[in-house]
Amino acid sequence: MSESSPAGHLVVHLGGDGRDVEFSFERHKSRVGGALGASVFTHVAFVALFFLLLKYAPPSSTSSALVQPDPLNTQIVWLAEPGPGGGGGGGGNKSPEPPRKAE
């Protein structure tokens, strides 16, 4: 059996030995403000470091001399001629008898 006292404590009566066990549920000083400040500070520091690295990084050598692909030859003429042997194809099951039935 438990009772709630007005001071924010919980009192529990154990068995018949007459002793009371108190639990304190008082609010403790919160550390959220310090953790939030440290998180904001580190995020701002990393973003600033990122932009400093971008600003003072040496220029890339590939950005000034882009490689151009070879122009396509527009003088090619494709002729539709049959290949040797009269065509392709193939595949399929070449066994003369049907498969055996499972036992």
PDB file of N, CA and C in Angstrom:
ATOM      1  N   MET A   1       0.854  -1.179   0.000  1.00  0.00           N
ATOM      2  CA  MET A   1       0.000   0.000   0.000  1.00  0.00           C
ATOM      3  C   MET A   1       0.892   1.232   0.000  1.00  0.00           C
ATOM      4  N   SER A   2       0.526   2.234  -0.757  1.00  0.00           N
ATOM      5  CA  SER A   2       1.345   3.443  -0.810  1.00  0.00           C
ATOM      6  C   SER A   2       0.473   4.670  -0.623  1.00  0.00           C
ATOM      7  N   GLU A   3       1.072   5.699  -0.081  1.00  0.00           N
ATOM      8  CA  GLU A   3       0.391   6.976   0.135  1.00  0.00           C
ATOM      9  C   GLU A   3       1.260   8.069  -0.460  1.00  0.00           C
ATOM     10  N   SER A   4       0.654   9.106  -0.924  1.00  0.00           N
ATOM     11  CA  SER A   4       1.394  10.242  -1.434  1.00  0.00           C
ATOM     12  C   SER A   4       1.324  11.358  -0.409  1.00  0.00           C
ATOM     13  N   SER A   5       2.470  11.858   0.002  1.00  0.00           N
ATOM     14  CA  SER A   5       2.489  12.948   0.972  1.00  0.00           C
ATOM     15  C   SER A   5       2.527  14.274   0.228  1.00  0.00           C
ATOM     16  N   PRO A   6       2.120  15.372   0.845  1.00  0.00           N
ATOM     17  CA  PRO A   6       2.047  16.657   0.157  1.00  0.00           C
ATOM     18  C   PRO A   6       3.412  17.229  -0.210  1.00  0.00           C
ATOM     19  N   ALA A   7       4.505  16.727   0.332  1.00  0.00           N
ATOM     20  CA  ALA A   7       5.822  17.310   0.063  1.00  0.00           C
ATOM     21  C   ALA A   7       6.457  16.740  -1.202  1.00  0.00           C
ATOM     22  N   GLY A   8       5.759  15.907  -1.955  1.00  0.00           N
ATOM     23  CA  GLY A   8       6.324  15.334  -3.169  1.00  0.00           C
ATOM     24  C   GLY A   8       7.058  14.049  -2.920  1.00  0.00           C
ATOM     25  N   HIS A   9       6.818  13.423  -1.772  1.00  0.00           N
ATOM     26  CA  HIS A   9       7.471  12.159  -1.446  1.00  0.00           C
ATOM     27  C   HIS A   9       6.439  11.039  -1.520  1.00  0.00           C
ATOM     28  N   LEU A  10       6.930   9.844  -1.724  1.00  0.00           N
ATOM     29  CA  LEU A  10       6.074   8.668  -1.731  1.00  0.00           C
ATOM     30  C   LEU A  10       6.489   7.805  -0.556  1.00  0.00           C
ATOM     31  N   VAL A  11       5.530   7.455   0.281  1.00  0.00           N
ATOM     32  CA  VAL A  11       5.806   6.639   1.449  1.00  0.00           C
ATOM     33  C   VAL A  11       5.198   5.267   1.219  1.00  0.00           C
ATOM     34  N   VAL A  12       5.992   4.221   1.418  1.00  0.00           N
ATOM     35  CA  VAL A  12       5.524   2.850   1.222  1.00  0.00           C
ATOM     36  C   VAL A  12       5.620   2.125   2.554  1.00  0.00           C
ATOM     37  N   HIS A  13       4.537   1.498   2.972  1.00  0.00           N
ATOM     38  CA  HIS A  13       4.517   0.693   4.196  1.00  0.00           C
ATOM     39  C   HIS A  13       4.763  -0.754   3.804  1.00  0.00           C
ATOM     40  N   LEU A  14       5.829  -1.352   4.317  1.00  0.00           N
ATOM     41  CA  LEU A  14       6.163  -2.726   3.980  1.00  0.00           C
ATOM     42  C   LEU A  14       5.640  -3.663   5.053  1.00  0.00           C
ATOM     43  N   GLY A  15       4.872  -4.643   4.652  1.00  0.00           N
ATOM     44  CA  GLY A  15       4.417  -5.707   5.543  1.00  0.00           C
ATOM     45  C   GLY A  15       3.909  -5.224   6.891  1.00  0.00           C
ATOM     46  N   GLY A  16       4.247  -5.989   7.929  1.00  0.00           N
ATOM     47  CA  GLY A  16       3.774  -5.647   9.255  1.00  0.00           C
ATOM     48  C   GLY A  16       4.884  -5.210  10.187  1.00  0.00           C
ATOM     49  N   ASP A  17       6.099  -4.915   9.674  1.00  0.00           N
ATOM     50  CA  ASP A  17       7.178  -4.549  10.588  1.00  0.00           C
ATOM     51  C   ASP A  17       7.145  -3.077  10.967  1.00  0.00           C
ATOM     52  N   GLY A  18       6.236  -2.274  10.435  1.00  0.00           N
ATOM     53  CA  GLY A  18       6.050  -0.907  10.881  1.00  0.00           C
ATOM     54  C   GLY A  18       7.047   0.095  10.334  1.00  0.00           C
ATOM     55  N   ARG A  19       7.935  -0.310   9.477  1.00  0.00           N
ATOM     56  CA  ARG A  19       8.908   0.642   8.925  1.00  0.00           C
ATOM     57  C   ARG A  19       8.339   1.289   7.672  1.00  0.00           C
ATOM     58  N   ASP A  20       8.628   2.536   7.484  1.00  0.00           N
ATOM     59  CA  ASP A  20       8.243   3.261   6.272  1.00  0.00           C
ATOM     60  C   ASP A  20       9.474   3.448   5.399  1.00  0.00           C
ATOM     61  N   VAL A  21       9.315   3.264   4.096  1.00  0.00           N
ATOM     62  CA  VAL A  21      10.397   3.508   3.133  1.00  0.00           C
ATOM     63  C   VAL A  21       9.984   4.713   2.310  1.00  0.00           C
ATOM     64  N   GLU A  22      10.832   5.747   2.289  1.00  0.00           N
ATOM     65  CA  GLU A  22      10.518   6.960   1.547  1.00  0.00           C
ATOM     66  C   GLU A  22      11.279   6.993   0.232  1.00  0.00           C
ATOM     67  N   PHE A  23      10.590   7.452  -0.797  1.00  0.00           N
ATOM     68  CA  PHE A  23      11.195   7.688  -2.099  1.00  0.00           C
ATOM     69  C   PHE A  23      11.056   9.158  -2.399  1.00  0.00           C
ATOM     70  N   SER A  24      12.124   9.778  -2.820  1.00  0.00           N
ATOM     71  CA  SER A  24      12.093  11.201  -3.135  1.00  0.00           C
ATOM     72  C   SER A  24      12.005  11.389  -4.646  1.00  0.00           C
ATOM     73  N   PHE A  25      10.960  12.074  -5.106  1.00  0.00           N
ATOM     74  CA  PHE A  25      10.771  12.358  -6.515  1.00  0.00           C
ATOM     75  C   PHE A  25      10.871  13.854  -6.777  1.00  0.00           C
ATOM     76  N   GLU A  26      11.741  14.502  -6.052  1.00  0.00           N
ATOM     77  CA  GLU A  26      11.907  15.936  -6.239  1.00  0.00           C
ATOM     78  C   GLU A  26      12.633  16.203  -7.557  1.00  0.00           C
ATOM     79  N   ARG A  27      12.389  17.338  -8.126  1.00  0.00           N
ATOM     80  CA  ARG A  27      13.064  17.714  -9.365  1.00  0.00           C
ATOM     81  C   ARG A  27      14.496  18.102  -9.072  1.00  0.00           C
ATOM     82  N   HIS A  28      15.380  17.544  -9.856  1.00  0.00           N
ATOM     83  CA  HIS A  28      16.791  17.895  -9.734  1.00  0.00           C
ATOM     84  C   HIS A  28      17.127  18.951 -10.769  1.00  0.00           C
ATOM     85  N   LYS A  29      18.224  19.631 -10.557  1.00  0.00           N
ATOM     86  CA  LYS A  29      18.632  20.699 -11.469  1.00  0.00           C
ATOM     87  C   LYS A  29      18.832  20.106 -12.872  1.00  0.00           C
ATOM     88  N   SER A  30      18.214  20.706 -13.837  1.00  0.00           N
ATOM     89  CA  SER A  30      18.253  20.198 -15.210  1.00  0.00           C
ATOM     90  C   SER A  30      19.539  20.613 -15.913  1.00  0.00           C
ATOM     91  N   ARG A  31      20.073  19.700 -16.740  1.00  0.00           N
ATOM     92  CA  ARG A  31      21.286  19.986 -17.495  1.00  0.00           C
ATOM     93  C   ARG A  31      20.977  20.234 -18.961  1.00  0.00           C
ATOM     94  N   VAL A  32      19.723  20.431 -19.308  1.00  0.00           N
ATOM     95  CA  VAL A  32      19.341  20.589 -20.704  1.00  0.00           C
ATOM     96  C   VAL A  32      19.927  21.868 -21.286  1.00  0.00           C
ATOM     97  N   GLY A  33      19.949  22.928 -20.524  1.00  0.00           N
ATOM     98  CA  GLY A  33      20.466  24.205 -21.037  1.00  0.00           C
ATOM     99  C   GLY A  33      21.929  24.114 -21.425  1.00  0.00           C
ATOM    100  N   GLY A  34      22.744  23.493 -20.608  1.00  0.00           N
ATOM    101  CA  GLY A  34      24.162  23.345 -20.926  1.00  0.00           C
ATOM    102  C   GLY A  34      24.390  22.435 -22.117  1.00  0.00           C
ATOM    103  N   ALA A  35      23.636  21.350 -22.199  1.00  0.00           N
ATOM    104  CA  ALA A  35      23.776  20.421 -23.320  1.00  0.00           C
ATOM    105  C   ALA A  35      23.335  21.081 -24.619  1.00  0.00           C
ATOM    106  N   LEU A  36      22.253  21.854 -24.562  1.00  0.00           N
ATOM    107  CA  LEU A  36      21.785  22.551 -25.756  1.00  0.00           C
ATOM    108  C   LEU A  36      22.805  23.575 -26.218  1.00  0.00           C
ATOM    109  N   GLY A  37      23.382  24.318 -25.289  1.00  0.00           N
ATOM    110  CA  GLY A  37      24.400  25.307 -25.647  1.00  0.00           C
ATOM    111  C   GLY A  37      25.630  24.660 -26.253  1.00  0.00           C
ATOM    112  N   ALA A  38      26.077  23.540 -25.693  1.00  0.00           N
ATOM    113  CA  ALA A  38      27.242  22.842 -26.250  1.00  0.00           C
ATOM    114  C   ALA A  38      26.946  22.305 -27.637  1.00  0.00           C
ATOM    115  N   SER A  39      25.751  21.800 -27.848  1.00  0.00           N
ATOM    116  CA  SER A  39      25.378  21.275 -29.161  1.00  0.00           C
ATOM    117  C   SER A  39      25.337  22.386 -30.203  1.00  0.00           C
ATOM    118  N   VAL A  40      24.718  23.498 -29.878  1.00  0.00           N
ATOM    119  CA  VAL A  40      24.654  24.627 -30.822  1.00  0.00           C
ATOM    120  C   VAL A  40      26.058  25.129 -31.133  1.00  0.00           C
ATOM    121  N   PHE A  41      26.901  25.241 -30.121  1.00  0.00           N
ATOM    122  CA  PHE A  41      28.269  25.715 -30.327  1.00  0.00           C
ATOM    123  C   PHE A  41      29.047  24.787 -31.260  1.00  0.00           C
ATOM    124  N   THR A  42      28.962  23.478 -31.055  1.00  0.00           N
ATOM    125  CA  THR A  42      29.709  22.556 -31.910  1.00  0.00           C
ATOM    126  C   THR A  42      29.173  22.548 -33.338  1.00  0.00           C
ATOM    127  N   HIS A  43      27.867  22.655 -33.532  1.00  0.00           N
ATOM    128  CA  HIS A  43      27.322  22.704 -34.887  1.00  0.00           C
ATOM    129  C   HIS A  43      27.789  23.965 -35.608  1.00  0.00           C
ATOM    130  N   VAL A  44      27.757  25.104 -34.925  1.00  0.00           N
ATOM    131  CA  VAL A  44      28.214  26.354 -35.542  1.00  0.00           C
ATOM    132  C   VAL A  44      29.703  26.263 -35.868  1.00  0.00           C
ATOM    133  N   ALA A  45      30.490  25.652 -34.984  1.00  0.00           N
ATOM    134  CA  ALA A  45      31.932  25.513 -35.228  1.00  0.00           C
ATOM    135  C   ALA A  45      32.200  24.629 -36.441  1.00  0.00           C
ATOM    136  N   PHE A  46      31.476  23.525 -36.594  1.00  0.00           N
ATOM    137  CA  PHE A  46      31.682  22.653 -37.743  1.00  0.00           C
ATOM    138  C   PHE A  46      31.252  23.315 -39.048  1.00  0.00           C
ATOM    139  N   VAL A  47      30.155  24.052 -39.035  1.00  0.00           N
ATOM    140  CA  VAL A  47      29.729  24.759 -40.249  1.00  0.00           C
ATOM    141  C   VAL A  47      30.750  25.827 -40.619  1.00  0.00           C
ATOM    142  N   ALA A  48      31.267  26.561 -39.638  1.00  0.00           N
ATOM    143  CA  ALA A  48      32.291  27.572 -39.916  1.00  0.00           C
ATOM    144  C   ALA A  48      33.563  26.925 -40.454  1.00  0.00           C
ATOM    145  N   LEU A  49      33.973  25.806 -39.892  1.00  0.00           N
ATOM    146  CA  LEU A  49      35.151  25.091 -40.380  1.00  0.00           C
ATOM    147  C   LEU A  49      34.947  24.621 -41.813  1.00  0.00           C
ATOM    148  N   PHE A  50      33.766  24.135 -42.131  1.00  0.00           N
ATOM    149  CA  PHE A  50      33.462  23.685 -43.486  1.00  0.00           C
ATOM    150  C   PHE A  50      33.594  24.835 -44.485  1.00  0.00           C
ATOM    151  N   PHE A  51      33.026  26.001 -44.154  1.00  0.00           N
ATOM    152  CA  PHE A  51      33.109  27.134 -45.069  1.00  0.00           C
ATOM    153  C   PHE A  51      34.528  27.689 -45.169  1.00  0.00           C
ATOM    154  N   LEU A  52      35.289  27.631 -44.091  1.00  0.00           N
ATOM    155  CA  LEU A  52      36.694  28.054 -44.164  1.00  0.00           C
ATOM    156  C   LEU A  52      37.499  27.123 -45.065  1.00  0.00           C
ATOM    157  N   LEU A  53      37.242  25.826 -44.976  1.00  0.00           N
ATOM    158  CA  LEU A  53      37.926  24.882 -45.855  1.00  0.00           C
ATOM    159  C   LEU A  53      37.561  25.117 -47.311  1.00  0.00           C
ATOM    160  N   LEU A  54      36.301  25.440 -47.583  1.00  0.00           N
ATOM    161  CA  LEU A  54      35.903  25.741 -48.957  1.00  0.00           C
ATOM    162  C   LEU A  54      36.564  27.019 -49.473  1.00  0.00           C
ATOM    163  N   LYS A  55      36.681  28.004 -48.597  1.00  0.00           N
ATOM    164  CA  LYS A  55      37.233  29.294 -49.028  1.00  0.00           C
ATOM    165  C   LYS A  55      38.725  29.199 -49.293  1.00  0.00           C
ATOM    166  N   TYR A  56      39.482  28.496 -48.439  1.00  0.00           N
ATOM    167  CA  TYR A  56      40.932  28.466 -48.554  1.00  0.00           C
ATOM    168  C   TYR A  56      41.467  27.198 -49.210  1.00  0.00           C
ATOM    169  N   ALA A  57      40.623  26.380 -49.768  1.00  0.00           N
ATOM    170  CA  ALA A  57      41.070  25.167 -50.453  1.00  0.00           C
ATOM    171  C   ALA A  57      41.717  25.551 -51.780  1.00  0.00           C
ATOM    172  N   PRO A  58      42.751  24.823 -52.186  1.00  0.00           N
ATOM    173  CA  PRO A  58      43.371  25.133 -53.482  1.00  0.00           C
ATOM    174  C   PRO A  58      42.387  24.836 -54.610  1.00  0.00           C
ATOM    175  N   PRO A  59      42.487  25.599 -55.700  1.00  0.00           N
ATOM    176  CA  PRO A  59      41.553  25.374 -56.812  1.00  0.00           C
ATOM    177  C   PRO A  59      41.794  23.996 -57.438  1.00  0.00           C
ATOM    178  N   SER A  60      40.738  23.417 -57.886  1.00  0.00           N
ATOM    179  CA  SER A  60      40.814  22.099 -58.494  1.00  0.00           C
ATOM    180  C   SER A  60      41.400  22.207 -59.895  1.00  0.00           C
ATOM    181  N   SER A  61      42.272  21.280 -60.267  1.00  0.00           N
ATOM    182  CA  SER A  61      42.904  21.336 -61.587  1.00  0.00           C
ATOM    183  C   SER A  61      41.947  20.893 -62.677  1.00  0.00           C
ATOM    184  N   THR A  62      40.949  20.101 -62.356  1.00  0.00           N
ATOM    185  CA  THR A  62      40.023  19.635 -63.381  1.00  0.00           C
ATOM    186  C   THR A  62      38.967  20.682 -63.713  1.00  0.00           C
ATOM    187  N   SER A  63      38.752  21.654 -62.852  1.00  0.00           N
ATOM    188  CA  SER A  63      37.715  22.639 -63.134  1.00  0.00           C
ATOM    189  C   SER A  63      38.147  23.633 -64.208  1.00  0.00           C
ATOM    190  N   SER A  64      39.459  23.875 -64.362  1.00  0.00           N
ATOM    191  CA  SER A  64      39.906  24.855 -65.350  1.00  0.00           C
ATOM    192  C   SER A  64      40.056  24.248 -66.737  1.00  0.00           C
ATOM    193  N   ALA A  65      40.351  22.969 -66.836  1.00  0.00           N
ATOM    194  CA  ALA A  65      40.528  22.332 -68.137  1.00  0.00           C
ATOM    195  C   ALA A  65      39.598  21.132 -68.229  1.00  0.00           C
ATOM    196  N   LEU A  66      38.381  21.384 -68.691  1.00  0.00           N
ATOM    197  CA  LEU A  66      37.419  20.309 -68.823  1.00  0.00           C
ATOM    198  C   LEU A  66      37.761  19.465 -70.044  1.00  0.00           C
ATOM    199  N   VAL A  67      37.627  18.167 -69.901  1.00  0.00           N
ATOM    200  CA  VAL A  67      37.923  17.261 -71.004  1.00  0.00           C
ATOM    201  C   VAL A  67      36.689  17.170 -71.887  1.00  0.00           C
ATOM    202  N   GLN A  68      36.873  17.488 -73.164  1.00  0.00           N
ATOM    203  CA  GLN A  68      35.774  17.439 -74.125  1.00  0.00           C
ATOM    204  C   GLN A  68      35.802  16.091 -74.831  1.00  0.00           C
ATOM    205  N   PRO A  69      34.652  15.437 -74.985  1.00  0.00           N
ATOM    206  CA  PRO A  69      34.640  14.167 -75.714  1.00  0.00           C
ATOM    207  C   PRO A  69      34.890  14.400 -77.199  1.00  0.00           C
ATOM    208  N   ASP A  70      35.400  13.362 -77.863  1.00  0.00           N
ATOM    209  CA  ASP A  70      35.622  13.456 -79.306  1.00  0.00           C
ATOM    210  C   ASP A  70      34.285  13.650 -80.008  1.00  0.00           C
ATOM    211  N   PRO A  71      34.255  14.523 -81.019  1.00  0.00           N
ATOM    212  CA  PRO A  71      32.988  14.717 -81.745  1.00  0.00           C
ATOM    213  C   PRO A  71      32.630  13.451 -82.532  1.00  0.00           C
ATOM    214  N   LEU A  72      31.358  13.168 -82.621  1.00  0.00           N
ATOM    215  CA  LEU A  72      30.908  12.003 -83.363  1.00  0.00           C
ATOM    216  C   LEU A  72      31.110  12.224 -84.856  1.00  0.00           C
ATOM    217  N   ASN A  73      31.494  11.144 -85.518  1.00  0.00           N
ATOM    218  CA  ASN A  73      31.692  11.223 -86.956  1.00  0.00           C
ATOM    219  C   ASN A  73      30.331  11.124 -87.635  1.00  0.00           C
ATOM    220  N   THR A  74      29.967  12.145 -88.353  1.00  0.00           N
ATOM    221  CA  THR A  74      28.668  12.171 -89.035  1.00  0.00           C
ATOM    222  C   THR A  74      28.767  11.624 -90.445  1.00  0.00           C
ATOM    223  N   GLN A  75      29.944  11.168 -90.865  1.00  0.00           N
ATOM    224  CA  GLN A  75      30.141  10.654 -92.209  1.00  0.00           C
ATOM    225  C   GLN A  75      29.976   9.130 -92.291  1.00  0.00           C
ATOM    226  N   ILE A  76      29.553   8.466 -91.235  1.00  0.00           N
ATOM    227  CA  ILE A  76      29.413   7.015 -91.223  1.00  0.00           C
ATOM    228  C   ILE A  76      28.104   6.631 -91.898  1.00  0.00           C
ATOM    229  N   VAL A  77      28.180   5.592 -92.767  1.00  0.00           N
ATOM    230  CA  VAL A  77      26.999   5.048 -93.426  1.00  0.00           C
ATOM    231  C   VAL A  77      26.878   3.594 -93.008  1.00  0.00           C
ATOM    232  N   TRP A  78      25.735   3.216 -92.442  1.00  0.00           N
ATOM    233  CA  TRP A  78      25.503   1.844 -92.005  1.00  0.00           C
ATOM    234  C   TRP A  78      24.714   1.110 -93.083  1.00  0.00           C
ATOM    235  N   LEU A  79      25.212  -0.071 -93.497  1.00  0.00           N
ATOM    236  CA  LEU A  79      24.544  -0.887 -94.509  1.00  0.00           C
ATOM    237  C   LEU A  79      23.949  -2.117 -93.841  1.00  0.00           C
ATOM    238  N   ALA A  80      22.710  -2.450 -94.182  1.00  0.00           N
ATOM    239  CA  ALA A  80      22.044  -3.629 -93.623  1.00  0.00           C
ATOM    240  C   ALA A  80      22.324  -4.813 -94.534  1.00  0.00           C
ATOM    241  N   GLU A  81      23.282  -5.653 -94.173  1.00  0.00           N
ATOM    242  CA  GLU A  81      23.623  -6.852 -94.942  1.00  0.00           C
ATOM    243  C   GLU A  81      23.467  -8.064 -94.041  1.00  0.00           C
ATOM    244  N   PRO A  82      23.004  -9.200 -94.605  1.00  0.00           N
ATOM    245  CA  PRO A  82      22.889 -10.398 -93.786  1.00  0.00           C
ATOM    246  C   PRO A  82      24.276 -10.929 -93.415  1.00  0.00           C
ATOM    247  N   GLY A  83      24.374 -11.482 -92.221  1.00  0.00           N
ATOM    248  CA  GLY A  83      25.639 -12.003 -91.742  1.00  0.00           C
ATOM    249  C   GLY A  83      25.931 -13.382 -92.323  1.00  0.00           C
ATOM    250  N   PRO A  84      27.103 -13.937 -92.037  1.00  0.00           N
ATOM    251  CA  PRO A  84      27.445 -15.261 -92.549  1.00  0.00           C
ATOM    252  C   PRO A  84      26.593 -16.354 -91.895  1.00  0.00           C
ATOM    253  N   GLY A  85      26.215 -17.371 -92.663  1.00  0.00           N
ATOM    254  CA  GLY A  85      25.462 -18.496 -92.106  1.00  0.00           C
ATOM    255  C   GLY A  85      23.966 -18.291 -92.123  1.00  0.00           C
ATOM    256  N   GLY A  86      23.504 -17.206 -92.565  1.00  0.00           N
ATOM    257  CA  GLY A  86      22.069 -17.018 -92.711  1.00  0.00           C
ATOM    258  C   GLY A  86      21.330 -16.648 -91.439  1.00  0.00           C
ATOM    259  N   GLY A  87      21.981 -16.163 -90.447  1.00  0.00           N
ATOM    260  CA  GLY A  87      21.247 -15.697 -89.274  1.00  0.00           C
ATOM    261  C   GLY A  87      21.722 -16.355 -87.999  1.00  0.00           C
ATOM    262  N   GLY A  88      21.158 -15.943 -86.953  1.00  0.00           N
ATOM    263  CA  GLY A  88      21.586 -16.435 -85.642  1.00  0.00           C
ATOM    264  C   GLY A  88      20.568 -17.361 -85.052  1.00  0.00           C
ATOM    265  N   GLY A  89      20.339 -17.210 -83.808  1.00  0.00           N
ATOM    266  CA  GLY A  89      19.389 -18.060 -83.117  1.00  0.00           C
ATOM    267  C   GLY A  89      20.127 -19.042 -82.242  1.00  0.00           C
ATOM    268  N   GLY A  90      19.426 -20.042 -81.853  1.00  0.00           N
ATOM    269  CA  GLY A  90      20.054 -21.059 -81.029  1.00  0.00           C
ATOM    270  C   GLY A  90      19.310 -21.211 -79.737  1.00  0.00           C
ATOM    271  N   GLY A  91      19.911 -21.966 -78.854  1.00  0.00           N
ATOM    272  CA  GLY A  91      19.270 -22.208 -77.581  1.00  0.00           C
ATOM    273  C   GLY A  91      18.229 -23.284 -77.704  1.00  0.00           C
ATOM    274  N   GLY A  92      17.488 -23.492 -76.690  1.00  0.00           N
ATOM    275  CA  GLY A  92      16.435 -24.495 -76.709  1.00  0.00           C
ATOM    276  C   GLY A  92      16.932 -25.831 -76.210  1.00  0.00           C
ATOM    277  N   ASN A  93      16.019 -26.754 -76.000  1.00  0.00           N
ATOM    278  CA  ASN A  93      16.341 -28.090 -75.509  1.00  0.00           C
ATOM    279  C   ASN A  93      16.536 -29.010 -76.699  1.00  0.00           C
ATOM    280  N   LYS A  94      17.715 -29.561 -76.864  1.00  0.00           N
ATOM    281  CA  LYS A  94      18.021 -30.393 -78.007  1.00  0.00           C
ATOM    282  C   LYS A  94      17.893 -31.894 -77.687  1.00  0.00           C
ATOM    283  N   SER A  95      17.398 -32.256 -76.517  1.00  0.00           N
ATOM    284  CA  SER A  95      17.271 -33.686 -76.198  1.00  0.00           C
ATOM    285  C   SER A  95      16.099 -34.279 -76.952  1.00  0.00           C
ATOM    286  N   PRO A  96      16.275 -35.499 -77.519  1.00  0.00           N
ATOM    287  CA  PRO A  96      15.223 -36.084 -78.364  1.00  0.00           C
ATOM    288  C   PRO A  96      14.041 -36.640 -77.583  1.00  0.00           C
ATOM    289  N   GLU A  97      14.189 -37.024 -76.342  1.00  0.00           N
ATOM    290  CA  GLU A  97      13.095 -37.627 -75.586  1.00  0.00           C
ATOM    291  C   GLU A  97      12.651 -36.693 -74.457  1.00  0.00           C
ATOM    292  N   PRO A  98      11.388 -36.788 -74.077  1.00  0.00           N
ATOM    293  CA  PRO A  98      10.882 -35.925 -73.006  1.00  0.00           C
ATOM    294  C   PRO A  98      11.516 -36.312 -71.650  1.00  0.00           C
ATOM    295  N   PRO A  99      11.497 -35.416 -70.680  1.00  0.00           N
ATOM    296  CA  PRO A  99      12.067 -35.743 -69.385  1.00  0.00           C
ATOM    297  C   PRO A  99      11.281 -36.849 -68.686  1.00  0.00           C
ATOM    298  N   ARG A 100      11.978 -37.622 -67.830  1.00  0.00           N
ATOM    299  CA  ARG A 100      11.332 -38.709 -67.101  1.00  0.00           C
ATOM    300  C   ARG A 100      10.450 -38.150 -65.991  1.00  0.00           C
ATOM    301  N   LYS A 101       9.437 -38.890 -65.651  1.00  0.00           N
ATOM    302  CA  LYS A 101       8.561 -38.500 -64.551  1.00  0.00           C
ATOM    303  C   LYS A 101       9.256 -38.803 -63.231  1.00  0.00           C
ATOM    304  N   ALA A 102       9.034 -37.954 -62.250  1.00  0.00           N
ATOM    305  CA  ALA A 102       9.641 -38.140 -60.925  1.00  0.00           C
ATOM    306  C   ALA A 102       9.017 -39.343 -60.241  1.00  0.00           C
ATOM    307  N   GLU A 103       9.846 -40.088 -59.529  1.00  0.00           N
ATOM    308  CA  GLU A 103       9.360 -41.273 -58.820  1.00  0.00           C
ATOM    309  C   GLU A 103       9.029 -40.934 -57.388  1.00  0.00           C
TER     310      GLU A 103
END
